[in-house]
Structure formats: structure tokens, C-alpha cells
């Protein structure tokens, strides 16, 4: 009688181990499947967010280098027109020559 109970417990233990291993494989394949989707679309990171200055009313400035003047401190001022969904460059300012008023 003892050997029948022991063999039954062993078979239950084996079944639980097999189910546990199968469960780990299923969970692992679900996690890997999610990461494969992200590999198709790489994340592009830029420093534009750090160089962007909101100026209000659809205007914003973007810090940049002016290659033609050799200035390292410039700003391009853009206007975003919501109706036409267009981005328009309004002017370029050399920040080295701008006078600050108080």
C-alpha cells in the first residue's frame, strides 16, 4: 500500500515538473515575441528636445550652429501653422550679436 501511494506521488510530482517547465517556455516565448516587434522599429534619439525653446503663439526657437558665419550660438525661429499643417522658418538670429533689453 505504501509503494502505491509513493509511486502515485512521484507521478504527480513528475507531472507538475513537466507543467512547470512548459509554463516557463510559454512565458519566455511571450516575452521574446514582444521584444521582436520593437526591433522592427528602432528608437531614434536626438538632442532636438534639449535645443527647443517654446516662444508662444505657434512660434518656437531651435538652437543651432550657423555654418556660414562661423557662430556657435544661433537660433532659428519657426512658426507652425495649424490650419495648413506647415512649419515655416521665420528668421535666423545670431545670439552673439543680439542685444538683451531689460
C-alpha atoms as a PDB file:
ATOM      1  CA  UNK A   1       0.000   0.000   0.000  1.00  0.00           C
ATOM      2  CA  UNK A   2       2.842   2.356   0.805  1.00  0.00           C
ATOM      3  CA  UNK A   3       4.535   1.723  -2.532  1.00  0.00           C
ATOM      4  CA  UNK A   4       1.322   2.542  -4.429  1.00  0.00           C
ATOM      5  CA  UNK A   5       0.981   5.884  -2.646  1.00  0.00           C
ATOM      6  CA  UNK A   6       4.657   6.707  -3.153  1.00  0.00           C
ATOM      7  CA  UNK A   7       4.540   5.864  -6.878  1.00  0.00           C
ATOM      8  CA  UNK A   8       1.390   7.973  -7.262  1.00  0.00           C
ATOM      9  CA  UNK A   9       3.068  10.919  -5.543  1.00  0.00           C
ATOM     10  CA  UNK A  10       6.123  10.532  -7.807  1.00  0.00           C
ATOM     11  CA  UNK A  11       3.950  10.592 -10.920  1.00  0.00           C
ATOM     12  CA  UNK A  12       2.119  13.697  -9.650  1.00  0.00           C
ATOM     13  CA  UNK A  13       5.483  15.363  -8.917  1.00  0.00           C
ATOM     14  CA  UNK A  14       6.781  14.491 -12.415  1.00  0.00           C
ATOM     15  CA  UNK A  15       3.604  15.879 -13.985  1.00  0.00           C
ATOM     16  CA  UNK A  16       3.908  19.129 -12.007  1.00  0.00           C
ATOM     17  CA  UNK A  17       7.562  19.497 -13.025  1.00  0.00           C
ATOM     18  CA  UNK A  18       6.691  18.982 -16.702  1.00  0.00           C
ATOM     19  CA  UNK A  19       3.853  21.538 -16.442  1.00  0.00           C
ATOM     20  CA  UNK A  20       6.204  23.997 -14.725  1.00  0.00           C
ATOM     21  CA  UNK A  21       8.838  23.653 -17.457  1.00  0.00           C
ATOM     22  CA  UNK A  22       6.224  24.045 -20.198  1.00  0.00           C
ATOM     23  CA  UNK A  23       4.852  27.112 -18.446  1.00  0.00           C
ATOM     24  CA  UNK A  24       8.327  28.670 -18.317  1.00  0.00           C
ATOM     25  CA  UNK A  25       8.785  28.079 -22.051  1.00  0.00           C
ATOM     26  CA  UNK A  26       5.395  29.621 -22.844  1.00  0.00           C
ATOM     27  CA  UNK A  27       6.084  32.691 -20.690  1.00  0.00           C
ATOM     28  CA  UNK A  28       9.548  33.049 -22.231  1.00  0.00           C
ATOM     29  CA  UNK A  29       8.186  32.911 -25.762  1.00  0.00           C
ATOM     30  CA  UNK A  30       5.584  35.577 -24.973  1.00  0.00           C
ATOM     31  CA  UNK A  31       8.275  37.935 -23.620  1.00  0.00           C
ATOM     32  CA  UNK A  32      10.537  37.323 -26.618  1.00  0.00           C
ATOM     33  CA  UNK A  33       7.666  37.886 -29.033  1.00  0.00           C
ATOM     34  CA  UNK A  34       7.059  41.349 -27.607  1.00  0.00           C
ATOM     35  CA  UNK A  35      10.668  42.403 -27.973  1.00  0.00           C
ATOM     36  CA  UNK A  36      10.854  41.264 -31.600  1.00  0.00           C
ATOM     37  CA  UNK A  37       8.161  43.784 -32.518  1.00  0.00           C
ATOM     38  CA  UNK A  38      10.243  46.593 -31.040  1.00  0.00           C
ATOM     39  CA  UNK A  39      13.303  45.527 -33.039  1.00  0.00           C
ATOM     40  CA  UNK A  40      11.470  46.330 -36.284  1.00  0.00           C
ATOM     41  CA  UNK A  41      11.074  49.958 -35.232  1.00  0.00           C
ATOM     42  CA  UNK A  42      14.299  51.309 -33.749  1.00  0.00           C
ATOM     43  CA  UNK A  43      14.061  54.237 -31.385  1.00  0.00           C
ATOM     44  CA  UNK A  44      15.811  57.307 -32.749  1.00  0.00           C
ATOM     45  CA  UNK A  45      17.037  59.662 -30.079  1.00  0.00           C
ATOM     46  CA  UNK A  46      18.190  63.180 -30.831  1.00  0.00           C
ATOM     47  CA  UNK A  47      19.060  66.271 -28.865  1.00  0.00           C
ATOM     48  CA  UNK A  48      16.350  68.349 -30.546  1.00  0.00           C
ATOM     49  CA  UNK A  49      14.292  68.337 -27.352  1.00  0.00           C
ATOM     50  CA  UNK A  50      17.196  69.933 -25.480  1.00  0.00           C
ATOM     51  CA  UNK A  51      17.641  72.621 -28.148  1.00  0.00           C
ATOM     52  CA  UNK A  52      13.954  73.513 -28.499  1.00  0.00           C
ATOM     53  CA  UNK A  53      12.614  76.731 -26.938  1.00  0.00           C
ATOM     54  CA  UNK A  54       8.851  77.431 -26.940  1.00  0.00           C
ATOM     55  CA  UNK A  55       8.173  81.085 -27.745  1.00  0.00           C
ATOM     56  CA  UNK A  56       4.341  81.010 -27.741  1.00  0.00           C
ATOM     57  CA  UNK A  57       1.566  81.514 -30.303  1.00  0.00           C
ATOM     58  CA  UNK A  58       2.871  78.783 -32.590  1.00  0.00           C
ATOM     59  CA  UNK A  59       6.445  80.086 -32.559  1.00  0.00           C
ATOM     60  CA  UNK A  60       9.438  78.176 -31.270  1.00  0.00           C
ATOM     61  CA  UNK A  61      13.190  78.532 -31.435  1.00  0.00           C
ATOM     62  CA  UNK A  62      15.785  75.914 -32.209  1.00  0.00           C
ATOM     63  CA  UNK A  63      19.376  76.425 -31.070  1.00  0.00           C
ATOM     64  CA  UNK A  64      21.835  75.683 -33.872  1.00  0.00           C
ATOM     65  CA  UNK A  65      25.248  76.497 -35.282  1.00  0.00           C
ATOM     66  CA  UNK A  66      25.459  78.897 -38.202  1.00  0.00           C
ATOM     67  CA  UNK A  67      27.997  77.419 -40.546  1.00  0.00           C
ATOM     68  CA  UNK A  68      28.096  80.380 -42.933  1.00  0.00           C
ATOM     69  CA  UNK A  69      29.011  82.887 -40.191  1.00  0.00           C
ATOM     70  CA  UNK A  70      31.002  80.527 -38.010  1.00  0.00           C
ATOM     71  CA  UNK A  71      28.935  81.442 -34.965  1.00  0.00           C
ATOM     72  CA  UNK A  72      28.360  78.682 -32.465  1.00  0.00           C
ATOM     73  CA  UNK A  73      25.351  80.353 -30.854  1.00  0.00           C
ATOM     74  CA  UNK A  74      22.441  80.768 -33.209  1.00  0.00           C
ATOM     75  CA  UNK A  75      18.705  80.297 -33.134  1.00  0.00           C
ATOM     76  CA  UNK A  76      16.315  79.539 -35.948  1.00  0.00           C
ATOM     77  CA  UNK A  77      12.798  80.758 -35.249  1.00  0.00           C
ATOM     78  CA  UNK A  78       9.979  78.721 -36.738  1.00  0.00           C
ATOM     79  CA  UNK A  79       6.216  79.148 -36.915  1.00  0.00           C
ATOM     80  CA  UNK A  80       3.826  76.202 -37.010  1.00  0.00           C
ATOM     81  CA  UNK A  81       0.605  76.896 -38.928  1.00  0.00           C
ATOM     82  CA  UNK A  82      -2.043  74.511 -37.589  1.00  0.00           C
ATOM     83  CA  UNK A  83      -4.570  75.182 -40.369  1.00  0.00           C
ATOM     84  CA  UNK A  84      -2.199  74.273 -43.194  1.00  0.00           C
ATOM     85  CA  UNK A  85      -0.101  71.860 -41.074  1.00  0.00           C
ATOM     86  CA  UNK A  86       3.103  73.592 -42.194  1.00  0.00           C
ATOM     87  CA  UNK A  87       6.319  74.536 -40.470  1.00  0.00           C
ATOM     88  CA  UNK A  88       7.712  77.882 -41.664  1.00  0.00           C
ATOM     89  CA  UNK A  89      11.199  79.255 -40.958  1.00  0.00           C
ATOM     90  CA  UNK A  90      10.646  82.878 -39.955  1.00  0.00           C
ATOM     91  CA  UNK A  91      14.201  84.086 -39.259  1.00  0.00           C
ATOM     92  CA  UNK A  92      17.658  83.149 -38.076  1.00  0.00           C
ATOM     93  CA  UNK A  93      19.282  85.057 -35.232  1.00  0.00           C
ATOM     94  CA  UNK A  94      22.931  85.085 -34.219  1.00  0.00           C
ATOM     95  CA  UNK A  95      22.745  85.055 -30.419  1.00  0.00           C
ATOM     96  CA  UNK A  96      26.240  86.535 -30.111  1.00  0.00           C
ATOM     97  CA  UNK A  97      25.053  89.806 -31.659  1.00  0.00           C
ATOM     98  CA  UNK A  98      21.597  90.089 -30.061  1.00  0.00           C
ATOM     99  CA  UNK A  99      21.164  92.903 -27.550  1.00  0.00           C
ATOM    100  CA  UNK A 100      19.327  91.988 -24.371  1.00  0.00           C
ATOM    101  CA  UNK A 101      16.871  94.625 -23.155  1.00  0.00           C
ATOM    102  CA  UNK A 102      15.827  94.898 -19.540  1.00  0.00           C
END
